[in-house]
Amino acid sequence: MTTRHDIALVIFDCDGVLVDSEPLSMRVLLETVAENGVHIDPETAYELFLGRSLSTIRSLLSADFGVDLDEAALSRMRENLYATFRNELQAVSGIQHALDGLALPYCVASSSQPERIRVSLGVTGLLDRFEPNVFSATMVPNGKPAPDLFLFAARSMGIEPARCVVVEDSPAGIEAAHRAGMRVLCFAGASHAGSKAHRAILKRLEPDLIFDRMQLLPDLIVRLEEIQREN
C-alpha cells in the first residue's frame, strides 16, 4: 500500500552526479581568476564554490578575493569551458545503467545555467534522458544551499517534497535538499570526491546514504524506502 512517504521522484544534480565535470569546471574557473591576478588553490576553491551557482561564485570572488568578473571575462570563460567539455567531458560511470534501472520519474536540478546543463548532457549522450525536465538555479530567486530549486523542480513535476529523493555530490546541494524536506543520497564517486577531507564534510551533513557506485542507485532507493517504512 502506498504511503505519502513513498518515493515518487528522483531529482539529480548535474555536475559531479550525471557528468564528471567538476575538475574541468574548476580548472577553467581558476585559470580565469588567475588571469585577473589572483591564485586560489584547488582545495580552497572546492570548499567555497562546489555546487554553487555562477552568481554566488561571482559574489564570493568579489567579496573574498577582490575579483570582479565582467561580462567579457564570463563570456571567455564560458567559451573555454564548453570547448573543454566537448573535448574531455565524460558521463559519470554507471549513470546509464542507473537510469535504466529506475522505475520512477526523474529530472535534473542544477546550479548551472540552462545552456551549460544542456551542453553537458548533450556531449555525454544524456540529454534525451532528461528533456524537458531540466531545471536551473536561474529559474528561482536563490540558488543552493537555499531549497528554492529543489522545491521548484518538485512543484513543476507535480510531486510533494516529502516524496522526493535528491542525488547530490556537494555540501550546498545536501543542505538544500534537507531544507526542502527531501531525502538525499550523496554520490561520492566522481573524480573530485575522492579525498578523505571531502568525504568527512559530506558525512557531517548527514545525508541519508553516501555511495560511490552510481549503478547501485536503483537498489539504494528501494533500501531507502524500506528504511522509511521501518521507521
Protein backbone atom coordinates (compact mmCIF):
# COMPACT_ATOMS: atom_id res chain seq x y z
CA MET A 1 0.00 0.00 0.00
CA THR A 2 1.44 3.39 -0.98
CA THR A 3 2.00 5.98 1.74
CA ARG A 4 2.68 9.65 1.30
CA HIS A 5 6.33 8.96 2.16
CA ASP A 6 6.94 6.55 -0.71
CA ILE A 7 9.42 8.00 -3.18
CA ALA A 8 7.78 9.28 -6.34
CA LEU A 9 10.53 11.42 -7.93
CA VAL A 10 14.32 11.34 -8.20
CA ILE A 11 15.96 14.76 -8.58
CA PHE A 12 19.51 14.63 -9.90
CA ASP A 13 22.12 17.31 -9.60
CA CYS A 14 24.14 17.50 -12.84
CA ASP A 15 27.81 18.35 -12.25
CA GLY A 16 29.55 15.59 -10.34
CA VAL A 17 26.45 13.38 -10.40
CA LEU A 18 25.44 12.89 -14.03
CA VAL A 19 28.64 14.17 -15.62
CA ASP A 20 32.18 14.13 -14.23
CA SER A 21 32.65 17.83 -14.83
CA GLU A 22 33.82 19.37 -11.57
CA PRO A 23 37.61 19.10 -12.17
CA LEU A 24 37.19 20.55 -15.67
CA SER A 25 34.95 23.38 -14.46
CA MET A 26 37.24 24.21 -11.57
CA ARG A 27 40.29 24.24 -13.81
CA VAL A 28 38.69 26.73 -16.20
CA LEU A 29 37.38 28.89 -13.35
CA LEU A 30 40.77 29.08 -11.60
CA GLU A 31 42.50 29.86 -14.91
CA THR A 32 40.06 32.74 -15.41
CA VAL A 33 40.64 34.02 -11.88
CA ALA A 34 44.42 33.76 -12.40
CA GLU A 35 44.10 35.95 -15.47
CA ASN A 36 42.83 38.59 -13.06
CA GLY A 37 45.97 38.29 -10.94
CA VAL A 38 44.60 36.09 -8.13
CA HIS A 39 45.62 32.49 -7.48
CA ILE A 40 43.30 30.24 -5.46
CA ASP A 41 44.39 26.74 -4.54
CA PRO A 42 42.01 23.97 -5.70
CA GLU A 43 41.23 22.74 -2.17
CA THR A 44 40.02 26.18 -1.14
CA ALA A 45 38.11 26.58 -4.39
CA TYR A 46 36.24 23.31 -3.96
CA GLU A 47 35.31 24.22 -0.40
CA LEU A 48 33.97 27.62 -1.42
CA PHE A 49 32.49 27.05 -4.87
CA LEU A 50 31.39 23.43 -5.24
CA GLY A 51 27.70 23.18 -6.03
CA ARG A 52 27.18 26.95 -6.12
CA SER A 53 25.53 28.97 -8.86
CA LEU A 54 27.60 31.29 -11.04
CA SER A 55 26.01 34.35 -9.44
CA THR A 56 27.02 33.09 -5.99
CA ILE A 57 30.56 32.29 -7.17
CA ARG A 58 30.89 35.79 -8.62
CA SER A 59 29.74 37.30 -5.32
CA LEU A 60 32.22 35.17 -3.34
CA LEU A 61 35.07 36.06 -5.69
CA SER A 62 34.30 39.75 -5.33
CA ALA A 63 33.83 39.71 -1.57
CA ASP A 64 36.64 37.33 -0.58
CA PHE A 65 39.27 37.88 -3.29
CA GLY A 66 38.52 41.25 -4.87
CA VAL A 67 37.98 39.63 -8.27
CA ASP A 68 35.13 41.11 -10.32
CA LEU A 69 34.47 39.06 -13.42
CA ASP A 70 32.87 41.28 -16.03
CA GLU A 71 30.70 40.03 -18.89
CA ALA A 72 33.67 39.78 -21.26
CA ALA A 73 35.56 37.57 -18.80
CA LEU A 74 32.47 35.41 -18.24
CA SER A 75 31.98 35.03 -21.97
CA ARG A 76 35.60 33.91 -22.47
CA MET A 77 35.30 31.52 -19.54
CA ARG A 78 32.10 30.03 -20.96
CA GLU A 79 33.70 29.53 -24.37
CA ASN A 80 36.74 27.84 -22.81
CA LEU A 81 34.53 25.67 -20.63
CA TYR A 82 32.33 24.45 -23.47
CA ALA A 83 35.37 23.70 -25.62
CA THR A 84 36.86 21.73 -22.71
CA PHE A 85 33.60 19.85 -22.21
CA ARG A 86 33.37 18.91 -25.89
CA ASN A 87 36.94 17.56 -25.81
CA GLU A 88 37.10 15.95 -22.38
CA LEU A 89 33.77 15.63 -20.57
CA GLN A 90 32.53 12.14 -19.70
CA ALA A 91 29.32 10.87 -18.16
CA VAL A 92 29.62 9.52 -14.63
CA SER A 93 30.39 5.82 -14.82
CA GLY A 94 27.27 3.72 -14.34
CA ILE A 95 24.72 6.50 -14.87
CA GLN A 96 23.12 4.94 -17.95
CA HIS A 97 22.68 1.67 -16.04
CA ALA A 98 21.20 3.57 -13.09
CA LEU A 99 18.70 5.43 -15.25
CA ASP A 100 17.70 2.20 -16.99
CA GLY A 101 17.02 0.64 -13.59
CA LEU A 102 14.85 3.42 -12.19
CA ALA A 103 11.13 2.71 -12.08
CA LEU A 104 10.37 6.31 -11.08
CA PRO A 105 10.16 9.67 -12.85
CA TYR A 106 13.33 11.73 -12.63
CA CYS A 107 14.61 15.19 -13.53
CA VAL A 108 17.75 17.30 -13.22
CA ALA A 109 18.04 20.38 -10.99
CA SER A 110 21.42 22.08 -11.26
CA SER A 111 23.10 25.27 -10.11
CA SER A 112 24.42 25.68 -13.65
CA GLN A 113 22.79 27.82 -16.31
CA PRO A 114 20.36 26.04 -18.69
CA GLU A 115 22.73 26.28 -21.67
CA ARG A 116 25.58 24.69 -19.72
CA ILE A 117 23.35 21.89 -18.41
CA ARG A 118 22.22 21.05 -21.94
CA VAL A 119 25.77 21.22 -23.33
CA SER A 120 26.96 18.87 -20.56
CA LEU A 121 24.15 16.39 -21.05
CA GLY A 122 24.31 16.64 -24.84
CA VAL A 123 28.05 15.97 -25.04
CA THR A 124 27.66 12.88 -22.82
CA GLY A 125 24.57 11.48 -24.55
CA LEU A 126 22.24 12.06 -21.59
CA LEU A 127 20.12 14.98 -22.75
CA ASP A 128 17.37 12.87 -24.31
CA ARG A 129 17.01 11.04 -21.00
CA PHE A 130 16.01 14.27 -19.21
CA GLU A 131 14.37 16.67 -21.63
CA PRO A 132 12.20 18.63 -20.98
CA ASN A 133 12.64 18.16 -17.23
CA VAL A 134 15.76 20.31 -16.89
CA PHE A 135 15.73 22.87 -14.07
CA SER A 136 18.34 25.54 -13.38
CA ALA A 137 19.10 27.85 -10.47
CA THR A 138 18.44 30.72 -12.88
CA MET A 139 14.74 29.81 -12.61
CA VAL A 140 14.46 30.61 -8.88
CA PRO A 141 15.32 33.56 -6.62
CA ASN A 142 18.01 31.78 -4.59
CA GLY A 143 20.49 29.04 -5.52
CA LYS A 144 21.73 26.20 -3.35
CA PRO A 145 22.06 25.90 -0.36
CA ALA A 146 18.62 27.54 -0.41
CA PRO A 147 15.86 24.98 -1.10
CA ASP A 148 14.25 27.02 -3.90
CA LEU A 149 15.50 24.99 -6.86
CA PHE A 150 14.54 21.58 -5.50
CA LEU A 151 11.12 22.85 -4.43
CA PHE A 152 10.60 24.37 -7.88
CA ALA A 153 11.58 21.10 -9.58
CA ALA A 154 9.20 19.09 -7.38
CA ARG A 155 6.36 21.53 -7.97
CA SER A 156 6.98 21.50 -11.73
CA MET A 157 6.90 17.69 -11.73
CA GLY A 158 3.74 17.63 -9.60
CA ILE A 159 5.29 15.77 -6.64
CA GLU A 160 5.24 16.86 -2.99
CA PRO A 161 8.70 17.41 -1.46
CA ALA A 162 8.35 14.61 1.11
CA ARG A 163 8.14 12.10 -1.77
CA CYS A 164 11.33 13.27 -3.49
CA VAL A 165 14.86 11.97 -3.18
CA VAL A 166 17.76 14.14 -4.31
CA VAL A 167 21.04 12.73 -5.66
CA GLU A 168 23.77 15.24 -4.83
CA ASP A 169 27.55 15.48 -4.51
CA SER A 170 28.08 18.88 -2.90
CA PRO A 171 27.64 20.24 0.63
CA ALA A 172 25.49 23.08 -0.72
CA GLY A 173 23.24 20.60 -2.51
CA ILE A 174 22.86 18.35 0.51
CA GLU A 175 21.88 21.33 2.66
CA ALA A 176 19.40 22.48 0.02
CA ALA A 177 17.76 19.04 -0.06
CA HIS A 178 17.46 18.95 3.73
CA ARG A 179 15.93 22.43 3.77
CA ALA A 180 13.46 21.37 1.08
CA GLY A 181 12.27 18.50 3.28
CA MET A 182 13.60 15.89 0.86
CA ARG A 183 15.69 12.80 1.40
CA VAL A 184 19.16 12.94 -0.10
CA LEU A 185 21.59 10.35 -1.40
CA CYS A 186 25.14 11.64 -1.63
CA PHE A 187 27.20 10.43 -4.58
CA ALA A 188 30.93 10.45 -3.78
CA GLY A 189 32.20 8.54 -6.80
CA ALA A 190 33.13 11.33 -9.21
CA SER A 191 36.79 12.19 -9.71
CA HIS A 192 36.71 15.29 -7.46
CA ALA A 193 35.24 13.47 -4.46
CA GLY A 194 37.98 11.03 -3.51
CA SER A 195 39.67 12.87 -0.64
CA LYS A 196 39.08 11.89 2.98
CA ALA A 197 38.52 15.53 3.87
CA HIS A 198 35.74 15.92 1.31
CA ARG A 199 34.04 12.71 2.43
CA ALA A 200 34.27 13.84 6.06
CA ILE A 201 32.48 17.08 5.19
CA LEU A 202 29.75 15.14 3.39
CA LYS A 203 29.32 12.76 6.32
CA ARG A 204 28.93 15.62 8.80
CA LEU A 205 25.98 16.90 6.76
CA GLU A 206 24.16 13.60 7.39
CA PRO A 207 22.71 12.63 4.02
CA ASP A 208 20.53 9.52 4.16
CA LEU A 209 23.23 7.48 2.41
CA ILE A 210 26.67 8.06 0.87
CA PHE A 211 27.60 5.88 -2.10
CA ASP A 212 30.28 5.82 -4.77
CA ARG A 213 28.97 3.44 -7.47
CA MET A 214 26.20 5.02 -9.50
CA GLN A 215 24.90 1.70 -10.83
CA LEU A 216 23.77 0.91 -7.26
CA LEU A 217 21.30 3.80 -7.21
CA PRO A 218 18.07 1.89 -8.02
CA ASP A 219 18.73 -0.62 -5.23
CA LEU A 220 19.64 2.16 -2.80
CA ILE A 221 16.33 3.91 -3.44
CA VAL A 222 14.49 0.67 -2.66
CA ARG A 223 16.54 0.36 0.52
CA LEU A 224 15.75 3.96 1.46
CA GLU A 225 12.02 3.27 1.14
CA GLU A 226 12.37 0.15 3.29
CA ILE A 227 14.17 2.14 6.00
CA GLN A 228 11.45 4.79 5.88
CA ARG A 229 8.71 2.21 6.32
CA GLU A 230 10.53 0.63 9.26
CA ASN A 231 10.67 3.99 10.98
